[in-house]
Amino acid sequence: MRKISQVLIVVLCAFVVTTGVLTYSWNGSKVFGDEKVEAAKDMHISKSTPTRSLMQLISAHTSRILDAIMVGDFLAVAREANAVAENSEIVMEMFFSAEGKAGDWHHEETGGDAKAAEKMKAEFEKYLKITIDSSRNIAETAGKKDIVETYKSLDEMLQKACFACHAISRDPWPDWPDWMRQAGG
């Protein structure tokens, strides 16, 4: 009985090793994602690169602003709102230089097309300015210690900057099918 268990364990181990070797040799590139490396490069060097960078930098601060508003911590609101403005300015400088020339990150996306780069810059700069102005307004309103007005300032930033940018830069959500819509009011 003991010999049979040992043989079964050896056969099972041999099967696992053989399966691993065959998988690696036949489908190694698929298993290890070699074909997705180029797709990842394309994703990171695109029109959305500045926007994604901005969202990654300010998302945590925006969440902390809301959290601080909810508990009435106006110092934290002002600190986080100022961090949003500072990070926004850093992203602008990082992707679009102060001299008005776009950085090198976009050349593969636009093929070096200066008009496309300028259009990209103008669109991004429009929403970035709204974000910076709104975040400074949030900090200023928080200094007055008015929780309702501070929340309205945050809501205004989300509506005019975040949601407005998402509306034009992302694919629209599909409409709900009729059978999924809630009837009534």
N, C-alpha and C. Protein backbone atom coordinates (compact mmCIF):
# COMPACT_ATOMS: atom_id res chain seq x y z
N MET A 1 0.82 -1.19 0.00
CA MET A 1 0.00 0.00 0.00
C MET A 1 0.87 1.26 0.00
N ARG A 2 1.95 1.19 0.78
CA ARG A 2 2.85 2.33 0.87
C ARG A 2 3.55 2.58 -0.46
N LYS A 3 3.94 1.53 -1.16
CA LYS A 3 4.60 1.66 -2.45
C LYS A 3 3.66 2.29 -3.47
N ILE A 4 2.39 1.94 -3.44
CA ILE A 4 1.42 2.48 -4.37
C ILE A 4 1.26 3.99 -4.15
N SER A 5 1.22 4.45 -2.89
CA SER A 5 1.10 5.89 -2.58
C SER A 5 2.31 6.64 -3.10
N GLN A 6 3.49 6.08 -2.91
CA GLN A 6 4.70 6.75 -3.39
C GLN A 6 4.71 6.84 -4.91
N VAL A 7 4.28 5.81 -5.57
CA VAL A 7 4.23 5.80 -7.03
C VAL A 7 3.22 6.85 -7.51
N LEU A 8 2.07 6.93 -6.87
CA LEU A 8 1.06 7.91 -7.25
C LEU A 8 1.58 9.34 -7.06
N ILE A 9 2.32 9.59 -6.00
CA ILE A 9 2.89 10.92 -5.75
C ILE A 9 3.91 11.26 -6.83
N VAL A 10 4.75 10.30 -7.20
CA VAL A 10 5.76 10.51 -8.23
C VAL A 10 5.07 10.78 -9.57
N VAL A 11 4.04 10.04 -9.90
CA VAL A 11 3.31 10.22 -11.16
C VAL A 11 2.65 11.61 -11.18
N LEU A 12 2.06 12.02 -10.07
CA LEU A 12 1.42 13.32 -9.99
C LEU A 12 2.44 14.45 -10.17
N CYS A 13 3.59 14.34 -9.51
CA CYS A 13 4.64 15.35 -9.67
C CYS A 13 5.16 15.39 -11.10
N ALA A 14 5.34 14.24 -11.71
CA ALA A 14 5.81 14.19 -13.10
C ALA A 14 4.78 14.84 -14.03
N PHE A 15 3.51 14.60 -13.76
CA PHE A 15 2.46 15.20 -14.57
C PHE A 15 2.48 16.74 -14.44
N VAL A 16 2.63 17.26 -13.24
CA VAL A 16 2.67 18.71 -13.02
C VAL A 16 3.87 19.32 -13.72
N VAL A 17 5.03 18.71 -13.59
CA VAL A 17 6.24 19.23 -14.23
C VAL A 17 6.11 19.19 -15.75
N THR A 18 5.61 18.10 -16.27
CA THR A 18 5.43 17.96 -17.72
C THR A 18 4.45 19.01 -18.25
N THR A 19 3.37 19.21 -17.55
CA THR A 19 2.39 20.22 -17.95
C THR A 19 3.02 21.61 -17.95
N GLY A 20 3.80 21.91 -16.95
CA GLY A 20 4.47 23.21 -16.88
C GLY A 20 5.43 23.42 -18.02
N VAL A 21 6.22 22.41 -18.33
CA VAL A 21 7.19 22.52 -19.42
C VAL A 21 6.48 22.70 -20.76
N LEU A 22 5.44 21.93 -20.99
CA LEU A 22 4.70 22.04 -22.25
C LEU A 22 4.01 23.40 -22.37
N THR A 23 3.44 23.87 -21.31
CA THR A 23 2.79 25.17 -21.34
C THR A 23 3.79 26.27 -21.64
N TYR A 24 4.93 26.21 -21.00
CA TYR A 24 5.96 27.24 -21.21
C TYR A 24 6.49 27.20 -22.65
N SER A 25 6.74 26.02 -23.15
CA SER A 25 7.34 25.93 -24.48
C SER A 25 6.34 26.26 -25.59
N TRP A 26 5.10 25.86 -25.47
CA TRP A 26 4.13 26.10 -26.52
C TRP A 26 3.47 27.46 -26.43
N ASN A 27 3.11 27.87 -25.26
CA ASN A 27 2.35 29.11 -25.10
C ASN A 27 3.04 30.08 -24.16
N GLY A 28 4.33 30.03 -24.09
CA GLY A 28 5.07 30.86 -23.15
C GLY A 28 4.78 32.34 -23.31
N SER A 29 4.70 32.80 -24.55
CA SER A 29 4.47 34.23 -24.75
C SER A 29 3.08 34.63 -24.27
N LYS A 30 2.11 33.75 -24.44
CA LYS A 30 0.76 34.08 -23.97
C LYS A 30 0.69 34.01 -22.45
N VAL A 31 1.30 32.99 -21.88
CA VAL A 31 1.25 32.82 -20.44
C VAL A 31 1.94 33.98 -19.74
N PHE A 32 3.07 34.41 -20.24
CA PHE A 32 3.84 35.45 -19.58
C PHE A 32 3.54 36.85 -20.11
N GLY A 33 2.58 36.98 -21.01
CA GLY A 33 2.12 38.28 -21.44
C GLY A 33 3.04 39.05 -22.37
N ASP A 34 3.95 38.37 -23.10
CA ASP A 34 4.87 39.07 -23.99
C ASP A 34 4.13 39.87 -25.06
N GLU A 35 3.00 39.36 -25.53
CA GLU A 35 2.27 40.06 -26.58
C GLU A 35 1.59 41.32 -26.07
N LYS A 36 1.44 41.46 -24.77
CA LYS A 36 0.76 42.62 -24.21
C LYS A 36 1.71 43.76 -23.87
N VAL A 37 3.00 43.54 -24.00
CA VAL A 37 3.95 44.58 -23.68
C VAL A 37 3.78 45.78 -24.60
N GLU A 38 3.62 45.53 -25.90
CA GLU A 38 3.43 46.63 -26.85
C GLU A 38 2.12 47.36 -26.59
N ALA A 39 1.07 46.61 -26.25
CA ALA A 39 -0.22 47.25 -25.95
C ALA A 39 -0.10 48.14 -24.72
N ALA A 40 0.68 47.71 -23.74
CA ALA A 40 0.88 48.53 -22.54
C ALA A 40 1.63 49.81 -22.88
N LYS A 41 2.62 49.72 -23.76
CA LYS A 41 3.34 50.93 -24.16
C LYS A 41 2.40 51.90 -24.86
N ASP A 42 1.54 51.37 -25.73
CA ASP A 42 0.59 52.23 -26.42
C ASP A 42 -0.36 52.90 -25.45
N MET A 43 -0.75 52.18 -24.41
CA MET A 43 -1.68 52.73 -23.45
C MET A 43 -1.05 53.89 -22.68
N HIS A 44 0.24 53.79 -22.38
CA HIS A 44 0.89 54.80 -21.57
C HIS A 44 1.35 56.01 -22.37
N ILE A 45 1.53 55.86 -23.65
CA ILE A 45 1.92 57.00 -24.48
C ILE A 45 0.73 57.31 -25.37
N SER A 46 -0.18 58.09 -24.85
CA SER A 46 -1.38 58.42 -25.60
C SER A 46 -1.92 59.76 -25.16
N LYS A 47 -2.98 60.14 -25.81
CA LYS A 47 -3.62 61.41 -25.50
C LYS A 47 -4.03 61.47 -24.03
N SER A 48 -4.37 60.35 -23.45
CA SER A 48 -4.85 60.33 -22.09
C SER A 48 -3.74 60.33 -21.05
N THR A 49 -2.50 60.30 -21.47
CA THR A 49 -1.40 60.24 -20.51
C THR A 49 -1.42 61.39 -19.51
N PRO A 50 -1.54 62.64 -19.92
CA PRO A 50 -1.59 63.72 -18.92
C PRO A 50 -2.82 63.59 -18.02
N THR A 51 -3.94 63.24 -18.61
CA THR A 51 -5.18 63.12 -17.84
C THR A 51 -5.07 62.00 -16.82
N ARG A 52 -4.55 60.86 -17.24
CA ARG A 52 -4.38 59.75 -16.30
C ARG A 52 -3.42 60.12 -15.18
N SER A 53 -2.35 60.79 -15.52
CA SER A 53 -1.39 61.21 -14.49
C SER A 53 -2.04 62.15 -13.50
N LEU A 54 -2.80 63.08 -14.00
CA LEU A 54 -3.49 64.03 -13.12
C LEU A 54 -4.47 63.30 -12.22
N MET A 55 -5.26 62.41 -12.79
CA MET A 55 -6.24 61.68 -11.98
C MET A 55 -5.57 60.85 -10.90
N GLN A 56 -4.44 60.21 -11.24
CA GLN A 56 -3.74 59.41 -10.24
C GLN A 56 -3.21 60.27 -9.10
N LEU A 57 -2.74 61.46 -9.43
CA LEU A 57 -2.19 62.34 -8.40
C LEU A 57 -3.25 62.98 -7.53
N ILE A 58 -4.38 63.35 -8.10
CA ILE A 58 -5.35 64.11 -7.30
C ILE A 58 -6.50 63.29 -6.75
N SER A 59 -6.66 62.05 -7.17
CA SER A 59 -7.83 61.28 -6.72
C SER A 59 -7.84 61.08 -5.21
N ALA A 60 -6.71 60.75 -4.63
CA ALA A 60 -6.66 60.54 -3.18
C ALA A 60 -6.93 61.85 -2.44
N HIS A 61 -6.38 62.95 -2.95
CA HIS A 61 -6.61 64.25 -2.31
C HIS A 61 -8.09 64.64 -2.38
N THR A 62 -8.72 64.38 -3.51
CA THR A 62 -10.14 64.71 -3.67
C THR A 62 -10.99 63.90 -2.70
N SER A 63 -10.66 62.62 -2.54
CA SER A 63 -11.39 61.78 -1.57
C SER A 63 -11.19 62.31 -0.15
N ARG A 64 -9.95 62.71 0.15
CA ARG A 64 -9.68 63.25 1.50
C ARG A 64 -10.40 64.58 1.74
N ILE A 65 -10.58 65.37 0.67
CA ILE A 65 -11.35 66.61 0.81
C ILE A 65 -12.77 66.28 1.25
N LEU A 66 -13.40 65.33 0.57
CA LEU A 66 -14.76 64.96 0.93
C LEU A 66 -14.81 64.40 2.35
N ASP A 67 -13.87 63.54 2.70
CA ASP A 67 -13.84 62.99 4.06
C ASP A 67 -13.71 64.10 5.10
N ALA A 68 -12.83 65.06 4.83
CA ALA A 68 -12.62 66.15 5.77
C ALA A 68 -13.85 67.06 5.87
N ILE A 69 -14.53 67.27 4.77
CA ILE A 69 -15.76 68.06 4.80
C ILE A 69 -16.79 67.37 5.68
N MET A 70 -16.90 66.06 5.53
CA MET A 70 -17.90 65.31 6.28
C MET A 70 -17.67 65.36 7.80
N VAL A 71 -16.42 65.47 8.22
CA VAL A 71 -16.14 65.54 9.66
C VAL A 71 -15.90 66.97 10.13
N GLY A 72 -15.93 67.93 9.20
CA GLY A 72 -15.77 69.33 9.57
C GLY A 72 -14.33 69.74 9.86
N ASP A 73 -13.37 69.04 9.26
CA ASP A 73 -11.95 69.37 9.46
C ASP A 73 -11.51 70.32 8.34
N PHE A 74 -11.70 71.61 8.58
CA PHE A 74 -11.45 72.61 7.54
C PHE A 74 -9.96 72.78 7.23
N LEU A 75 -9.09 72.52 8.20
CA LEU A 75 -7.65 72.59 7.93
C LEU A 75 -7.24 71.50 6.94
N ALA A 76 -7.78 70.31 7.14
CA ALA A 76 -7.48 69.21 6.21
C ALA A 76 -8.05 69.50 4.83
N VAL A 77 -9.25 70.10 4.77
CA VAL A 77 -9.84 70.45 3.48
C VAL A 77 -8.92 71.40 2.73
N ALA A 78 -8.47 72.45 3.42
CA ALA A 78 -7.59 73.44 2.78
C ALA A 78 -6.27 72.81 2.35
N ARG A 79 -5.70 71.97 3.20
CA ARG A 79 -4.42 71.31 2.88
C ARG A 79 -4.56 70.43 1.64
N GLU A 80 -5.61 69.63 1.58
CA GLU A 80 -5.81 68.72 0.45
C GLU A 80 -6.18 69.49 -0.82
N ALA A 81 -6.96 70.55 -0.69
CA ALA A 81 -7.32 71.35 -1.86
C ALA A 81 -6.09 72.03 -2.44
N ASN A 82 -5.22 72.53 -1.58
CA ASN A 82 -3.97 73.14 -2.07
C ASN A 82 -3.07 72.09 -2.72
N ALA A 83 -3.11 70.86 -2.20
CA ALA A 83 -2.32 69.78 -2.82
C ALA A 83 -2.85 69.46 -4.21
N VAL A 84 -4.17 69.52 -4.40
CA VAL A 84 -4.75 69.30 -5.73
C VAL A 84 -4.23 70.36 -6.70
N ALA A 85 -4.24 71.62 -6.27
CA ALA A 85 -3.77 72.72 -7.14
C ALA A 85 -2.28 72.54 -7.46
N GLU A 86 -1.46 72.22 -6.45
CA GLU A 86 -0.03 72.05 -6.68
C GLU A 86 0.26 70.89 -7.62
N ASN A 87 -0.40 69.77 -7.41
CA ASN A 87 -0.19 68.60 -8.28
C ASN A 87 -0.66 68.88 -9.70
N SER A 88 -1.72 69.64 -9.84
CA SER A 88 -2.20 69.99 -11.18
C SER A 88 -1.18 70.84 -11.92
N GLU A 89 -0.58 71.78 -11.21
CA GLU A 89 0.45 72.62 -11.84
C GLU A 89 1.68 71.79 -12.21
N ILE A 90 2.02 70.83 -11.38
CA ILE A 90 3.17 69.96 -11.67
C ILE A 90 2.91 69.13 -12.93
N VAL A 91 1.71 68.58 -13.05
CA VAL A 91 1.37 67.77 -14.22
C VAL A 91 1.42 68.63 -15.48
N MET A 92 0.92 69.85 -15.39
CA MET A 92 0.96 70.73 -16.56
C MET A 92 2.39 70.99 -17.00
N GLU A 93 3.25 71.28 -16.05
CA GLU A 93 4.65 71.57 -16.38
C GLU A 93 5.36 70.31 -16.89
N MET A 94 4.98 69.16 -16.35
CA MET A 94 5.63 67.91 -16.73
C MET A 94 5.31 67.54 -18.18
N PHE A 95 4.06 67.74 -18.60
CA PHE A 95 3.67 67.32 -19.93
C PHE A 95 3.72 68.43 -20.97
N PHE A 96 3.50 69.66 -20.54
CA PHE A 96 3.51 70.79 -21.46
C PHE A 96 4.38 71.88 -20.85
N SER A 97 5.53 72.12 -21.43
CA SER A 97 6.50 73.03 -20.83
C SER A 97 6.00 74.46 -20.78
N ALA A 98 6.61 75.25 -19.93
CA ALA A 98 6.21 76.65 -19.72
C ALA A 98 6.41 77.49 -20.98
N GLU A 99 7.32 77.08 -21.86
CA GLU A 99 7.57 77.83 -23.10
C GLU A 99 6.48 77.62 -24.13
N GLY A 100 5.49 76.80 -23.81
CA GLY A 100 4.39 76.59 -24.74
C GLY A 100 4.59 75.44 -25.69
N LYS A 101 5.70 74.71 -25.58
CA LYS A 101 5.94 73.55 -26.43
C LYS A 101 5.58 72.29 -25.66
N ALA A 102 4.91 71.39 -26.32
CA ALA A 102 4.55 70.14 -25.67
C ALA A 102 5.79 69.29 -25.47
N GLY A 103 5.78 68.49 -24.43
CA GLY A 103 6.92 67.62 -24.14
C GLY A 103 7.06 66.50 -25.15
N ASP A 104 8.10 65.70 -25.00
CA ASP A 104 8.38 64.64 -25.96
C ASP A 104 7.46 63.44 -25.83
N TRP A 105 6.68 63.36 -24.78
CA TRP A 105 5.86 62.17 -24.53
C TRP A 105 4.85 61.92 -25.65
N HIS A 106 4.42 62.93 -26.37
CA HIS A 106 3.32 62.80 -27.32
C HIS A 106 3.78 62.47 -28.74
N HIS A 107 5.05 62.50 -29.03
CA HIS A 107 5.51 62.36 -30.42
C HIS A 107 5.05 61.07 -31.07
N GLU A 108 5.04 59.96 -30.33
CA GLU A 108 4.60 58.71 -30.93
C GLU A 108 3.10 58.74 -31.20
N GLU A 109 2.33 59.41 -30.35
CA GLU A 109 0.88 59.46 -30.52
C GLU A 109 0.48 60.35 -31.69
N THR A 110 1.08 61.53 -31.78
CA THR A 110 0.67 62.49 -32.80
C THR A 110 1.58 62.46 -34.01
N GLY A 111 2.63 61.66 -33.98
CA GLY A 111 3.57 61.62 -35.09
C GLY A 111 4.34 62.93 -35.23
N GLY A 112 4.48 63.64 -34.13
CA GLY A 112 5.20 64.91 -34.16
C GLY A 112 4.36 66.05 -34.71
N ASP A 113 3.06 65.84 -34.89
CA ASP A 113 2.16 66.85 -35.43
C ASP A 113 1.95 67.95 -34.41
N ALA A 114 2.48 69.14 -34.68
CA ALA A 114 2.42 70.25 -33.74
C ALA A 114 0.99 70.71 -33.50
N LYS A 115 0.15 70.68 -34.55
CA LYS A 115 -1.24 71.12 -34.38
C LYS A 115 -2.00 70.18 -33.45
N ALA A 116 -1.79 68.89 -33.62
CA ALA A 116 -2.45 67.92 -32.75
C ALA A 116 -1.99 68.08 -31.31
N ALA A 117 -0.70 68.33 -31.14
CA ALA A 117 -0.15 68.52 -29.80
C ALA A 117 -0.72 69.79 -29.16
N GLU A 118 -0.85 70.85 -29.92
CA GLU A 118 -1.41 72.10 -29.40
C GLU A 118 -2.88 71.93 -29.05
N LYS A 119 -3.61 71.19 -29.87
CA LYS A 119 -5.03 70.93 -29.58
C LYS A 119 -5.16 70.14 -28.28
N MET A 120 -4.29 69.13 -28.14
CA MET A 120 -4.27 68.32 -26.93
C MET A 120 -3.98 69.20 -25.71
N LYS A 121 -3.00 70.08 -25.87
CA LYS A 121 -2.60 70.97 -24.78
C LYS A 121 -3.75 71.90 -24.41
N ALA A 122 -4.40 72.49 -25.40
CA ALA A 122 -5.48 73.44 -25.13
C ALA A 122 -6.64 72.77 -24.40
N GLU A 123 -6.99 71.57 -24.84
CA GLU A 123 -8.09 70.84 -24.20
C GLU A 123 -7.73 70.49 -22.76
N PHE A 124 -6.52 69.98 -22.56
CA PHE A 124 -6.08 69.60 -21.21
C PHE A 124 -5.97 70.83 -20.32
N GLU A 125 -5.40 71.90 -20.86
CA GLU A 125 -5.18 73.12 -20.09
C GLU A 125 -6.51 73.73 -19.64
N LYS A 126 -7.53 73.64 -20.47
CA LYS A 126 -8.85 74.18 -20.14
C LYS A 126 -9.39 73.56 -18.86
N TYR A 127 -9.37 72.23 -18.79
CA TYR A 127 -9.91 71.55 -17.62
C TYR A 127 -8.95 71.64 -16.43
N LEU A 128 -7.68 71.72 -16.71
CA LEU A 128 -6.71 71.86 -15.63
C LEU A 128 -6.87 73.20 -14.93
N LYS A 129 -7.12 74.26 -15.70
CA LYS A 129 -7.31 75.59 -15.12
C LYS A 129 -8.55 75.60 -14.23
N ILE A 130 -9.61 74.96 -14.68
CA ILE A 130 -10.82 74.87 -13.87
C ILE A 130 -10.52 74.11 -12.57
N THR A 131 -9.75 73.03 -12.67
CA THR A 131 -9.38 72.25 -11.49
C THR A 131 -8.58 73.08 -10.50
N ILE A 132 -7.59 73.81 -11.00
CA ILE A 132 -6.75 74.63 -10.13
C ILE A 132 -7.57 75.74 -9.48
N ASP A 133 -8.35 76.46 -10.27
CA ASP A 133 -9.17 77.55 -9.72
C ASP A 133 -10.18 77.02 -8.70
N SER A 134 -10.81 75.91 -9.03
CA SER A 134 -11.81 75.33 -8.12
C SER A 134 -11.18 74.84 -6.82
N SER A 135 -10.02 74.21 -6.93
CA SER A 135 -9.38 73.72 -5.70
C SER A 135 -8.92 74.87 -4.82
N ARG A 136 -8.46 75.95 -5.41
CA ARG A 136 -8.10 77.14 -4.61
C ARG A 136 -9.36 77.74 -3.97
N ASN A 137 -10.47 77.70 -4.70
CA ASN A 137 -11.74 78.18 -4.15
C ASN A 137 -12.18 77.31 -2.98
N ILE A 138 -11.98 76.00 -3.08
CA ILE A 138 -12.32 75.09 -1.97
C ILE A 138 -11.51 75.47 -0.74
N ALA A 139 -10.20 75.69 -0.92
CA ALA A 139 -9.34 76.07 0.21
C ALA A 139 -9.79 77.39 0.83
N GLU A 140 -10.14 78.35 -0.03
CA GLU A 140 -10.59 79.66 0.46
C GLU A 140 -11.91 79.53 1.22
N THR A 141 -12.84 78.76 0.67
CA THR A 141 -14.13 78.56 1.32
C THR A 141 -13.98 77.81 2.64
N ALA A 142 -13.06 76.87 2.68
CA ALA A 142 -12.82 76.13 3.93
C ALA A 142 -12.32 77.06 5.03
N GLY A 143 -11.59 78.11 4.64
CA GLY A 143 -11.11 79.09 5.61
C GLY A 143 -12.24 79.83 6.30
N LYS A 144 -13.39 79.89 5.65
CA LYS A 144 -14.57 80.56 6.23
C LYS A 144 -15.35 79.63 7.16
N LYS A 145 -14.95 78.37 7.19
CA LYS A 145 -15.55 77.34 8.04
C LYS A 145 -17.06 77.17 7.82
N ASP A 146 -17.46 77.27 6.55
CA ASP A 146 -18.85 77.05 6.17
C ASP A 146 -18.92 75.72 5.45
N ILE A 147 -19.45 74.72 6.13
CA ILE A 147 -19.42 73.36 5.59
C ILE A 147 -20.25 73.23 4.31
N VAL A 148 -21.39 73.90 4.24
CA VAL A 148 -22.26 73.79 3.07
C VAL A 148 -21.58 74.41 1.84
N GLU A 149 -21.03 75.60 2.01
CA GLU A 149 -20.37 76.27 0.89
C GLU A 149 -19.10 75.52 0.47
N THR A 150 -18.41 74.94 1.43
CA THR A 150 -17.21 74.17 1.11
C THR A 150 -17.59 72.96 0.26
N TYR A 151 -18.67 72.28 0.65
CA TYR A 151 -19.13 71.14 -0.12
C TYR A 151 -19.57 71.58 -1.52
N LYS A 152 -20.27 72.70 -1.61
CA LYS A 152 -20.70 73.20 -2.92
C LYS A 152 -19.49 73.52 -3.80
N SER A 153 -18.41 74.01 -3.22
CA SER A 153 -17.19 74.29 -3.98
C SER A 153 -16.59 73.00 -4.53
N LEU A 154 -16.57 71.95 -3.70
CA LEU A 154 -16.07 70.65 -4.16
C LEU A 154 -16.97 70.12 -5.27
N ASP A 155 -18.27 70.21 -5.08
CA ASP A 155 -19.21 69.72 -6.09
C ASP A 155 -19.03 70.48 -7.40
N GLU A 156 -18.78 71.78 -7.31
CA GLU A 156 -18.57 72.59 -8.51
C GLU A 156 -17.31 72.12 -9.25
N MET A 157 -16.25 71.82 -8.51
CA MET A 157 -15.02 71.33 -9.16
C MET A 157 -15.30 70.00 -9.86
N LEU A 158 -15.99 69.11 -9.17
CA LEU A 158 -16.28 67.81 -9.77
C LEU A 158 -17.14 67.95 -11.02
N GLN A 159 -18.15 68.83 -10.98
CA GLN A 159 -19.04 69.01 -12.11
C GLN A 159 -18.34 69.68 -13.29
N LYS A 160 -17.68 70.81 -13.03
CA LYS A 160 -17.12 71.63 -14.10
C LYS A 160 -15.79 71.11 -14.64
N ALA A 161 -15.02 70.45 -13.82
CA ALA A 161 -13.71 69.96 -14.27
C ALA A 161 -13.76 68.46 -14.54
N CYS A 162 -13.99 67.68 -13.49
CA CYS A 162 -13.87 66.23 -13.62
C CYS A 162 -14.91 65.63 -14.55
N PHE A 163 -16.20 65.84 -14.21
CA PHE A 163 -17.25 65.22 -15.01
C PHE A 163 -17.30 65.78 -16.43
N ALA A 164 -17.04 67.07 -16.59
CA ALA A 164 -17.04 67.66 -17.93
C ALA A 164 -15.93 67.08 -18.79
N CYS A 165 -14.75 66.89 -18.21
CA CYS A 165 -13.64 66.30 -18.96
C CYS A 165 -13.94 64.84 -19.30
N HIS A 166 -14.50 64.11 -18.34
CA HIS A 166 -14.83 62.70 -18.58
C HIS A 166 -15.88 62.59 -19.69
N ALA A 167 -16.80 63.54 -19.74
CA ALA A 167 -17.86 63.48 -20.75
C ALA A 167 -17.31 63.56 -22.17
N ILE A 168 -16.23 64.33 -22.37
CA ILE A 168 -15.70 64.45 -23.73
C ILE A 168 -14.55 63.51 -24.02
N SER A 169 -13.87 63.03 -22.99
CA SER A 169 -12.67 62.23 -23.24
C SER A 169 -12.88 60.73 -23.09
N ARG A 170 -14.02 60.31 -22.61
CA ARG A 170 -14.29 58.89 -22.44
C ARG A 170 -15.44 58.48 -23.33
N ASP A 171 -15.46 57.19 -23.64
CA ASP A 171 -16.58 56.66 -24.40
C ASP A 171 -17.83 56.76 -23.54
N PRO A 172 -18.96 57.10 -24.14
CA PRO A 172 -20.19 57.22 -23.35
C PRO A 172 -20.65 55.86 -22.85
N TRP A 173 -21.31 55.88 -21.71
CA TRP A 173 -21.89 54.65 -21.19
C TRP A 173 -23.04 54.26 -22.09
N PRO A 174 -23.21 52.98 -22.31
CA PRO A 174 -24.35 52.57 -23.14
C PRO A 174 -25.66 52.83 -22.40
N ASP A 175 -26.71 53.11 -23.17
CA ASP A 175 -28.02 53.32 -22.55
C ASP A 175 -28.52 52.00 -21.99
N TRP A 176 -29.29 52.11 -20.91
CA TRP A 176 -29.89 50.92 -20.34
C TRP A 176 -30.97 50.41 -21.28
N PRO A 177 -31.06 49.10 -21.44
CA PRO A 177 -32.16 48.56 -22.24
C PRO A 177 -33.50 48.89 -21.56
N ASP A 178 -34.56 48.95 -22.34
CA ASP A 178 -35.88 49.30 -21.80
C ASP A 178 -36.29 48.38 -20.66
N TRP A 179 -36.00 47.10 -20.77
CA TRP A 179 -36.45 46.16 -19.75
C TRP A 179 -35.70 46.36 -18.41
N MET A 180 -34.56 47.10 -18.43
CA MET A 180 -33.81 47.33 -17.20
C MET A 180 -34.14 48.69 -16.56
N ARG A 181 -34.85 49.53 -17.27
CA ARG A 181 -35.19 50.83 -16.72
C ARG A 181 -36.28 50.68 -15.67
N GLN A 182 -36.15 51.49 -14.64
CA GLN A 182 -37.12 51.44 -13.57
C GLN A 182 -38.38 52.18 -14.00
N ALA A 183 -39.49 51.57 -13.81
CA ALA A 183 -40.76 52.20 -14.17
C ALA A 183 -41.19 53.16 -13.06
N GLY A 184 -41.86 54.19 -13.45
CA GLY A 184 -42.38 55.14 -12.46
C GLY A 184 -41.39 56.24 -12.17
N GLY A 185 -41.55 56.90 -11.04
CA GLY A 185 -40.73 58.05 -10.71
C GLY A 185 -39.76 57.74 -9.72
